[in-house]
Amino acid sequence: MLKRIVLGLFLFLGSFSSFAQAIFKGTVADNETGKGIPFATVFLANTTIGTSTDEEGKFSIYLSEGNYEVIIRMLGYEGLTFNLPAAIVKPQGYKFMLVPIDEELSTLNVNDKRDPVWYRNLADFKKYFLGTSLNGKACVIENELSMILDDQSEPGSLIASSRDILKIENPNLGYRLDYLLNDFRFNYKQGFVTYGGYPLFTPDSTLSRRKQRRVEKNRLEAYYGSLQHFLRAVYSGTTVSEGFEIRRLFRKDDPVHSGKIDSVATDLITSIDIRKNRERREYLEFDGHLLITYLNERESPHYIMGLGRGIRNYQTSIIRLTVQHLEVFENGSLSDPFGLVVEVI
């Protein structure tokens, strides 16, 4: 069982500054014996940065400015997950004690065949987890048979988990993802999807120059209008120039039908209205809901598949805070990845 400290997933991997601000180093050891654990995996979620411990259980990773989710995993041990701002990294290093797993692994062989219901559930999982865009459809989960797809525990819902880190090939973006899936739930009636997990991106180093140019173009197209693009624009105060419109959204209960009624303010607000500087640190602060519209790109017909509506002129999303204020960093990361909820409409 994974020890969960903080969960979260950014929507897109962006580039990170190459200027190293800190060295994150330490030792991964067995909690019972105190001995270092060799070849344990240590990586920063939603980045290309990861390493393995040496024969003594030691590791070292360079960090640029920002906020990171650190994942430590080793087969046979409970994993560790925690939040780490680069600014507070201790130069003397850390020691992480992993607890051996006592529970017996499931006796189901990953190569065993599944029934038709399992495959229907798998199709739903892929649809709402990978998405219906061209990039999402091109993705391949190499070890999909390791997945546990449960549509019985909560009637009307699909709950997905995995016995192993998911191995996902994303050829359109030129990445291989090692994805640690912590929680996935899809409510069929409400059409509401929630999931949390940690990806490690490994770029494909075998691409030809022509393929690399195509991949870089695809990455930019995926980045523009994404949550990370929006957060970077908020940090730099360039939401307007980068094509984002922000409006207040007011939501109240529908007295006739079960559900909510939304109304949107006509006045535009800027990043200055929702970004507060405190002691040279930037925070998101706003009440209620905000409607975010990205004007520089029309909505793709592939993107809306499964949403049950027609194509709109522009991409729109609703965001709200689950905390009073949330620190945002230059690279688009957040101090608490679950401090911001994004609703696709």
Protein backbone atom coordinates (compact mmCIF):
# COMPACT_ATOMS: atom_id res chain seq x y z
CA MET A 1 0.00 0.00 0.00
CA LEU A 2 1.36 3.42 -0.92
CA LYS A 3 1.81 5.94 1.85
CA ARG A 4 0.04 8.96 0.38
CA ILE A 5 1.16 12.36 1.58
CA VAL A 6 0.18 14.59 -1.35
CA LEU A 7 -1.54 13.59 -4.60
CA GLY A 8 -1.65 15.46 -7.85
CA LEU A 9 -1.13 15.48 -11.58
CA PHE A 10 -0.41 18.42 -13.86
CA LEU A 11 -2.01 18.28 -17.28
CA PHE A 12 1.11 18.75 -19.34
CA LEU A 13 4.85 18.46 -19.02
CA GLY A 14 6.59 21.74 -19.74
CA SER A 15 10.26 22.59 -19.92
CA PHE A 16 12.20 23.36 -16.76
CA SER A 17 15.00 25.81 -16.29
CA SER A 18 18.41 24.22 -16.61
CA PHE A 19 19.90 26.44 -13.90
CA ALA A 20 20.33 24.23 -10.82
CA GLN A 21 19.24 25.88 -7.58
CA ALA A 22 19.70 22.98 -5.20
CA ILE A 23 20.92 19.40 -4.87
CA PHE A 24 18.40 16.98 -3.42
CA LYS A 25 20.33 14.02 -2.04
CA GLY A 26 19.83 11.29 0.48
CA THR A 27 19.70 7.60 1.33
CA VAL A 28 16.83 5.15 0.97
CA ALA A 29 17.01 2.45 3.65
CA ASP A 30 15.11 -0.53 5.05
CA ASN A 31 13.09 0.52 8.10
CA GLU A 32 13.75 -2.78 9.91
CA THR A 33 17.46 -3.30 9.23
CA GLY A 34 18.60 0.27 8.61
CA LYS A 35 20.57 -0.87 5.58
CA GLY A 36 20.53 1.10 2.34
CA ILE A 37 18.25 -0.21 -0.42
CA PRO A 38 20.01 -0.41 -3.80
CA PHE A 39 18.22 0.34 -7.09
CA ALA A 40 15.20 2.05 -5.51
CA THR A 41 13.49 4.52 -7.85
CA VAL A 42 13.46 8.22 -6.95
CA PHE A 43 11.76 10.62 -9.34
CA LEU A 44 10.06 14.02 -9.53
CA ALA A 45 6.47 13.68 -10.71
CA ASN A 46 5.53 15.37 -13.98
CA THR A 47 9.14 15.88 -15.02
CA THR A 48 11.86 13.95 -16.87
CA ILE A 49 13.97 13.91 -13.71
CA GLY A 50 14.53 10.58 -12.00
CA THR A 51 17.27 8.28 -10.79
CA SER A 52 17.99 5.01 -8.97
CA THR A 53 19.84 4.57 -5.71
CA ASP A 54 23.35 3.13 -5.84
CA GLU A 55 24.49 -0.05 -4.08
CA GLU A 56 24.47 1.80 -0.74
CA GLY A 57 21.01 3.25 -1.28
CA LYS A 58 22.27 6.77 -2.00
CA PHE A 59 20.99 9.17 -4.67
CA SER A 60 21.42 12.75 -5.85
CA ILE A 61 19.16 14.94 -8.03
CA TYR A 62 19.61 18.53 -9.22
CA LEU A 63 16.59 20.79 -8.73
CA SER A 64 15.79 24.07 -10.43
CA GLU A 65 13.53 26.62 -8.73
CA GLY A 66 10.00 25.36 -8.19
CA ASN A 67 7.84 22.93 -6.26
CA TYR A 68 8.03 19.16 -6.75
CA GLU A 69 6.29 15.94 -5.86
CA VAL A 70 8.95 13.37 -4.91
CA ILE A 71 8.18 9.68 -5.44
CA ILE A 72 10.28 6.92 -3.87
CA ARG A 73 9.42 3.35 -4.86
CA MET A 74 10.92 -0.09 -4.43
CA LEU A 75 9.30 -3.47 -5.09
CA GLY A 76 8.41 -5.12 -1.80
CA TYR A 77 8.17 -1.85 0.17
CA GLU A 78 5.56 0.78 0.88
CA GLY A 79 6.25 3.81 -1.29
CA LEU A 80 6.81 7.39 -0.15
CA THR A 81 5.32 10.49 -1.74
CA PHE A 82 5.87 14.03 -0.49
CA ASN A 83 5.95 17.67 -1.52
CA LEU A 84 9.34 19.42 -1.79
CA PRO A 85 9.91 23.09 -2.69
CA ALA A 86 13.46 23.52 -4.02
CA ALA A 87 13.93 26.56 -1.77
CA ILE A 88 13.86 24.47 1.43
CA VAL A 89 16.10 21.57 0.38
CA LYS A 90 18.63 20.80 3.11
CA PRO A 91 22.22 20.58 1.82
CA GLN A 92 23.14 17.83 4.31
CA GLY A 93 20.63 15.47 2.68
CA TYR A 94 17.91 13.15 3.95
CA LYS A 95 17.36 9.55 5.01
CA PHE A 96 14.15 7.80 3.94
CA MET A 97 13.08 4.62 5.70
CA LEU A 98 10.86 2.29 3.66
CA VAL A 99 8.57 -0.21 5.38
CA PRO A 100 8.49 -3.76 3.93
CA ILE A 101 5.10 -4.90 2.63
CA ASP A 102 3.58 -7.78 4.57
CA GLU A 103 0.49 -8.24 2.41
CA GLU A 104 0.56 -11.06 -0.10
CA LEU A 105 0.26 -10.05 -3.73
CA SER A 106 -2.87 -10.98 -5.65
CA THR A 107 -2.78 -14.49 -7.05
CA LEU A 108 -4.30 -13.32 -10.36
CA ASN A 109 -1.78 -13.77 -13.13
CA VAL A 110 -1.43 -10.63 -15.23
CA ASN A 111 -1.43 -12.80 -18.34
CA ASP A 112 -4.80 -14.37 -17.55
CA LYS A 113 -7.68 -13.48 -19.84
CA ARG A 114 -10.36 -11.07 -18.62
CA ASP A 115 -14.12 -11.24 -19.12
CA PRO A 116 -15.95 -8.93 -21.59
CA VAL A 117 -17.06 -6.59 -18.77
CA TRP A 118 -13.44 -5.96 -17.80
CA TYR A 119 -12.59 -4.96 -21.37
CA ARG A 120 -15.58 -2.60 -21.52
CA ASN A 121 -14.40 -1.02 -18.28
CA LEU A 122 -10.89 -0.76 -19.73
CA ALA A 123 -12.26 1.12 -22.75
CA ASP A 124 -14.02 3.58 -20.41
CA PHE A 125 -10.86 4.02 -18.37
CA LYS A 126 -8.79 4.81 -21.45
CA LYS A 127 -11.43 7.20 -22.75
CA TYR A 128 -11.49 9.33 -19.61
CA PHE A 129 -7.90 8.87 -18.42
CA LEU A 130 -5.95 9.14 -21.68
CA GLY A 131 -8.55 11.33 -23.38
CA THR A 132 -10.07 11.35 -26.85
CA SER A 133 -7.66 13.77 -28.53
CA LEU A 134 -5.35 12.51 -31.25
CA ASN A 135 -2.51 12.41 -28.71
CA GLY A 136 -4.63 10.49 -26.22
CA LYS A 137 -5.83 7.95 -28.77
CA ALA A 138 -2.26 7.28 -29.87
CA CYS A 139 -1.21 6.30 -26.34
CA VAL A 140 -0.66 2.63 -25.55
CA ILE A 141 -0.72 1.14 -22.03
CA GLU A 142 1.78 -1.69 -22.32
CA ASN A 143 0.84 -3.44 -19.07
CA GLU A 144 -2.91 -2.81 -19.05
CA LEU A 145 -3.58 -6.35 -17.76
CA SER A 146 -2.09 -5.29 -14.42
CA MET A 147 -5.10 -3.02 -13.89
CA ILE A 148 -7.93 -3.67 -11.45
CA LEU A 149 -11.21 -2.30 -12.83
CA ASP A 150 -14.01 -2.34 -10.28
CA ASP A 151 -17.59 -1.38 -11.20
CA GLN A 152 -19.26 -3.24 -8.31
CA SER A 153 -18.00 -1.65 -5.07
CA GLU A 154 -19.78 1.64 -5.77
CA PRO A 155 -22.86 1.19 -8.00
CA GLY A 156 -22.78 3.56 -10.95
CA SER A 157 -19.05 4.18 -10.65
CA LEU A 158 -15.87 2.75 -12.12
CA ILE A 159 -12.88 2.57 -9.76
CA ALA A 160 -9.49 1.80 -11.32
CA SER A 161 -6.15 0.93 -9.78
CA SER A 162 -3.04 -0.96 -10.85
CA ARG A 163 -0.81 -3.60 -9.32
CA ASP A 164 2.17 -1.99 -10.99
CA ILE A 165 3.32 1.38 -12.28
CA LEU A 166 1.59 1.84 -15.64
CA LYS A 167 3.90 1.86 -18.65
CA ILE A 168 2.42 4.24 -21.22
CA GLU A 169 3.84 5.02 -24.64
CA ASN A 170 2.91 8.44 -26.02
CA PRO A 171 4.38 8.45 -29.55
CA ASN A 172 2.81 11.74 -30.64
CA LEU A 173 4.60 13.61 -27.85
CA GLY A 174 7.74 11.46 -27.93
CA TYR A 175 7.52 10.28 -24.32
CA ARG A 176 7.32 7.10 -22.33
CA LEU A 177 5.41 7.56 -19.07
CA ASP A 178 5.88 5.57 -15.90
CA TYR A 179 2.60 6.48 -14.21
CA LEU A 180 1.90 5.70 -10.58
CA LEU A 181 -1.90 5.64 -10.46
CA ASN A 182 -3.23 6.34 -6.98
CA ASP A 183 -6.92 6.85 -7.58
CA PHE A 184 -9.32 6.90 -10.53
CA ARG A 185 -13.09 7.21 -10.25
CA PHE A 186 -15.68 7.76 -12.95
CA ASN A 187 -19.31 8.40 -12.03
CA TYR A 188 -21.44 7.24 -14.97
CA LYS A 189 -24.53 9.17 -13.93
CA GLN A 190 -22.87 12.52 -13.28
CA GLY A 191 -20.16 12.09 -15.91
CA PHE A 192 -17.62 13.21 -13.32
CA VAL A 193 -14.03 11.94 -13.41
CA THR A 194 -11.40 12.31 -10.70
CA TYR A 195 -7.92 10.84 -10.64
CA GLY A 196 -4.60 11.38 -8.97
CA GLY A 197 -1.17 10.02 -9.71
CA TYR A 198 2.44 10.68 -10.55
CA PRO A 199 4.04 10.51 -14.01
CA LEU A 200 7.71 10.29 -14.89
CA PHE A 201 8.37 11.35 -18.49
CA THR A 202 11.21 9.69 -20.37
CA PRO A 203 11.90 11.32 -23.77
CA ASP A 204 12.42 9.01 -26.75
CA SER A 205 16.10 9.40 -27.61
CA THR A 206 15.84 7.36 -30.82
CA LEU A 207 13.79 9.85 -32.85
CA SER A 208 15.03 11.06 -36.22
CA ARG A 209 15.39 14.81 -36.74
CA ARG A 210 12.20 14.88 -38.78
CA LYS A 211 10.25 12.99 -36.13
CA GLN A 212 11.75 15.16 -33.37
CA ARG A 213 10.53 18.32 -35.10
CA ARG A 214 7.05 16.85 -35.40
CA VAL A 215 7.09 15.80 -31.73
CA GLU A 216 8.18 19.27 -30.60
CA LYS A 217 5.33 20.79 -32.60
CA ASN A 218 2.86 18.39 -30.99
CA ARG A 219 4.19 19.23 -27.53
CA LEU A 220 3.68 22.94 -28.11
CA GLU A 221 0.15 22.35 -29.36
CA ALA A 222 -0.59 20.29 -26.24
CA TYR A 223 0.96 22.94 -23.98
CA TYR A 224 -0.91 25.96 -25.34
CA GLY A 225 -4.14 26.40 -23.41
CA SER A 226 -3.18 23.79 -20.80
CA LEU A 227 -3.35 24.29 -17.04
CA GLN A 228 0.42 24.69 -16.85
CA HIS A 229 0.35 27.34 -19.58
CA PHE A 230 -2.36 29.21 -17.67
CA LEU A 231 -0.50 29.04 -14.34
CA ARG A 232 2.73 30.28 -15.89
CA ALA A 233 0.83 33.17 -17.45
CA VAL A 234 -0.77 33.99 -14.09
CA TYR A 235 2.66 34.00 -12.43
CA SER A 236 4.15 36.31 -15.05
CA GLY A 237 1.02 38.49 -15.30
CA THR A 238 0.59 37.78 -19.03
CA THR A 239 -2.80 36.02 -19.12
CA VAL A 240 -4.32 38.63 -21.44
CA SER A 241 -1.43 38.76 -23.92
CA GLU A 242 -1.23 34.95 -24.00
CA GLY A 243 -4.90 34.58 -24.95
CA PHE A 244 -6.66 33.81 -21.67
CA GLU A 245 -9.92 35.45 -20.61
CA ILE A 246 -10.91 35.20 -16.94
CA ARG A 247 -14.43 35.87 -15.69
CA ARG A 248 -16.23 35.30 -12.42
CA LEU A 249 -18.70 32.41 -12.48
CA PHE A 250 -21.63 32.30 -10.06
CA ARG A 251 -23.19 28.93 -9.28
CA LYS A 252 -26.44 28.24 -7.44
CA ASP A 253 -28.77 25.28 -6.93
CA ASP A 254 -31.44 24.65 -9.58
CA PRO A 255 -34.82 24.70 -7.72
CA VAL A 256 -36.57 22.71 -10.46
CA HIS A 257 -34.03 20.17 -11.66
CA SER A 258 -31.30 18.47 -9.68
CA GLY A 259 -28.06 20.20 -10.49
CA LYS A 260 -26.58 23.67 -10.67
CA ILE A 261 -27.28 26.88 -12.55
CA ASP A 262 -24.26 28.88 -13.71
CA SER A 263 -24.12 32.54 -14.65
CA VAL A 264 -21.01 34.36 -15.87
CA ALA A 265 -20.03 37.96 -15.18
CA THR A 266 -19.48 40.15 -18.24
CA ASP A 267 -16.48 41.99 -16.77
CA LEU A 268 -13.05 40.53 -17.46
CA ILE A 269 -10.49 40.18 -14.69
CA THR A 270 -6.72 39.84 -15.04
CA SER A 271 -4.05 37.83 -13.30
CA ILE A 272 -3.45 40.81 -11.01
CA ASP A 273 -6.91 40.24 -9.52
CA ILE A 274 -6.19 36.65 -8.53
CA ARG A 275 -2.43 36.78 -7.90
CA LYS A 276 -1.07 38.21 -4.66
CA ASN A 277 2.59 38.90 -3.90
CA ARG A 278 3.65 38.24 -0.34
CA GLU A 279 7.29 38.55 0.67
CA ARG A 280 8.38 37.97 -2.94
CA ARG A 281 6.24 34.83 -3.25
CA GLU A 282 3.26 34.60 -5.58
CA TYR A 283 -0.10 33.18 -4.48
CA LEU A 284 -3.43 32.41 -6.11
CA GLU A 285 -6.26 33.96 -4.10
CA PHE A 286 -9.88 34.14 -5.24
CA ASP A 287 -13.35 33.19 -4.02
CA GLY A 288 -15.85 30.95 -5.74
CA HIS A 289 -15.41 29.83 -9.34
CA LEU A 290 -13.59 31.32 -12.34
CA LEU A 291 -14.38 30.64 -16.00
CA ILE A 292 -11.18 30.40 -18.06
CA THR A 293 -11.39 30.75 -21.85
CA TYR A 294 -8.41 30.28 -24.17
CA LEU A 295 -8.87 32.38 -27.30
CA ASN A 296 -5.79 31.45 -29.33
CA GLU A 297 -6.98 28.00 -30.35
CA ARG A 298 -10.31 26.62 -31.47
CA GLU A 299 -11.74 23.62 -29.70
CA SER A 300 -10.83 20.32 -31.31
CA PRO A 301 -13.65 17.92 -32.28
CA HIS A 302 -11.54 15.06 -30.91
CA TYR A 303 -11.27 16.78 -27.53
CA ILE A 304 -15.04 16.96 -26.91
CA MET A 305 -15.77 13.32 -27.75
CA GLY A 306 -17.59 11.83 -24.78
CA LEU A 307 -18.53 15.21 -23.28
CA GLY A 308 -22.03 15.04 -24.76
CA ARG A 309 -22.07 18.47 -26.38
CA GLY A 310 -21.22 20.23 -29.61
CA ILE A 311 -18.04 22.06 -30.58
CA ARG A 312 -17.46 25.51 -29.11
CA ASN A 313 -15.38 28.26 -30.62
CA TYR A 314 -12.85 28.20 -27.78
CA GLN A 315 -11.59 25.97 -24.99
CA THR A 316 -13.24 26.67 -21.64
CA SER A 317 -12.71 25.38 -18.11
CA ILE A 318 -13.86 26.23 -14.59
CA ILE A 319 -11.43 26.44 -11.68
CA ARG A 320 -11.84 26.85 -7.94
CA LEU A 321 -9.57 26.75 -4.91
CA THR A 322 -9.94 24.17 -2.14
CA VAL A 323 -7.66 26.21 0.13
CA GLN A 324 -7.62 29.88 1.15
CA HIS A 325 -4.51 30.70 -0.88
CA LEU A 326 -2.17 28.63 -3.02
CA GLU A 327 1.45 29.40 -3.87
CA VAL A 328 2.26 29.27 -7.59
CA PHE A 329 5.78 28.95 -9.02
CA GLU A 330 7.34 30.24 -12.22
CA ASN A 331 7.39 26.82 -13.86
CA GLY A 332 3.62 26.41 -13.38
CA SER A 333 3.76 24.14 -10.34
CA LEU A 334 1.70 24.61 -7.19
CA SER A 335 2.51 24.23 -3.50
CA ASP A 336 -0.49 21.89 -3.19
CA PRO A 337 -1.49 20.11 -6.43
CA PHE A 338 -4.96 19.35 -4.99
CA GLY A 339 -5.43 22.95 -3.92
CA LEU A 340 -6.87 23.75 -7.36
CA VAL A 341 -9.78 21.88 -8.95
CA VAL A 342 -10.28 22.06 -12.72
CA GLU A 343 -13.68 21.29 -14.23
CA VAL A 344 -13.89 20.64 -17.97
CA ILE A 345 -17.21 21.80 -19.40
